[in-house]
Amino acid sequence: MNTIKQYLTEVLAEMSKVSWPTREELKESTVIVLVFSLVFGIAVYSMDTVFSYLLTLIL
């Protein structure tokens, strides 16, 4: 039981050292991830469509 208490004390000490993002930083990061995901999805869809078309020409 003593080791659990020590572990939790150390976790709390480390969590107090963490630099948490502000709400604005979090919003900006979320927008960046969403835009990147959309662009990546469009790129994968485009490549899939082109390769599918090329395979129909070959086969």
Protein backbone atom coordinates (compact mmCIF):
# COMPACT_ATOMS: atom_id res chain seq x y z
CA MET A 1 0.00 0.00 0.00
CA ASN A 2 2.92 2.31 0.70
CA THR A 3 4.26 1.90 -2.86
CA ILE A 4 0.89 2.92 -4.32
CA LYS A 5 0.87 6.06 -2.19
CA GLN A 6 4.44 6.87 -3.25
CA TYR A 7 3.55 6.28 -6.90
CA LEU A 8 0.54 8.60 -6.74
CA THR A 9 2.57 11.27 -4.97
CA GLU A 10 5.21 11.11 -7.69
CA VAL A 11 2.55 11.23 -10.42
CA LEU A 12 1.04 14.37 -8.89
CA ALA A 13 4.50 15.96 -8.64
CA GLU A 14 5.22 15.23 -12.31
CA MET A 15 1.78 16.40 -13.45
CA SER A 16 2.38 19.77 -11.79
CA LYS A 17 5.46 20.19 -14.02
CA VAL A 18 3.47 19.67 -17.23
CA SER A 19 2.96 22.72 -19.41
CA TRP A 20 -0.71 22.49 -20.40
CA PRO A 21 -1.84 24.29 -23.58
CA THR A 22 -4.17 27.26 -23.39
CA ARG A 23 -7.65 27.07 -24.89
CA GLU A 24 -6.49 29.07 -27.93
CA GLU A 25 -3.49 26.79 -28.52
CA LEU A 26 -5.77 23.79 -28.26
CA LYS A 27 -8.21 25.27 -30.79
CA GLU A 28 -5.37 26.04 -33.23
CA SER A 29 -3.96 22.53 -32.90
CA THR A 30 -7.40 21.01 -33.44
CA VAL A 31 -7.93 23.04 -36.62
CA ILE A 32 -4.50 22.03 -37.92
CA VAL A 33 -5.22 18.33 -37.29
CA LEU A 34 -8.65 18.54 -38.94
CA VAL A 35 -7.29 20.35 -42.03
CA PHE A 36 -4.38 17.93 -42.35
CA SER A 37 -6.73 14.95 -42.00
CA LEU A 38 -9.03 16.35 -44.68
CA VAL A 39 -6.15 17.02 -47.08
CA PHE A 40 -4.65 13.58 -46.43
CA GLY A 41 -8.04 11.92 -46.95
CA ILE A 42 -8.55 13.73 -50.25
CA ALA A 43 -5.05 12.73 -51.38
CA VAL A 44 -5.63 9.06 -50.53
CA TYR A 45 -9.05 9.09 -52.22
CA SER A 46 -7.55 10.70 -55.34
CA MET A 47 -4.72 8.18 -55.56
CA ASP A 48 -7.15 5.30 -55.03
CA THR A 49 -9.40 6.60 -57.80
CA VAL A 50 -6.50 7.05 -60.23
CA PHE A 51 -5.03 3.61 -59.50
CA SER A 52 -8.44 1.97 -59.81
CA TYR A 53 -8.93 3.61 -63.19
CA LEU A 54 -5.46 2.57 -64.35
CA LEU A 55 -6.09 -1.01 -63.26
CA THR A 56 -9.33 -1.14 -65.24
CA LEU A 57 -7.37 -0.02 -68.31
CA ILE A 58 -4.72 -2.68 -67.80
CA LEU A 59 -7.05 -5.54 -66.97
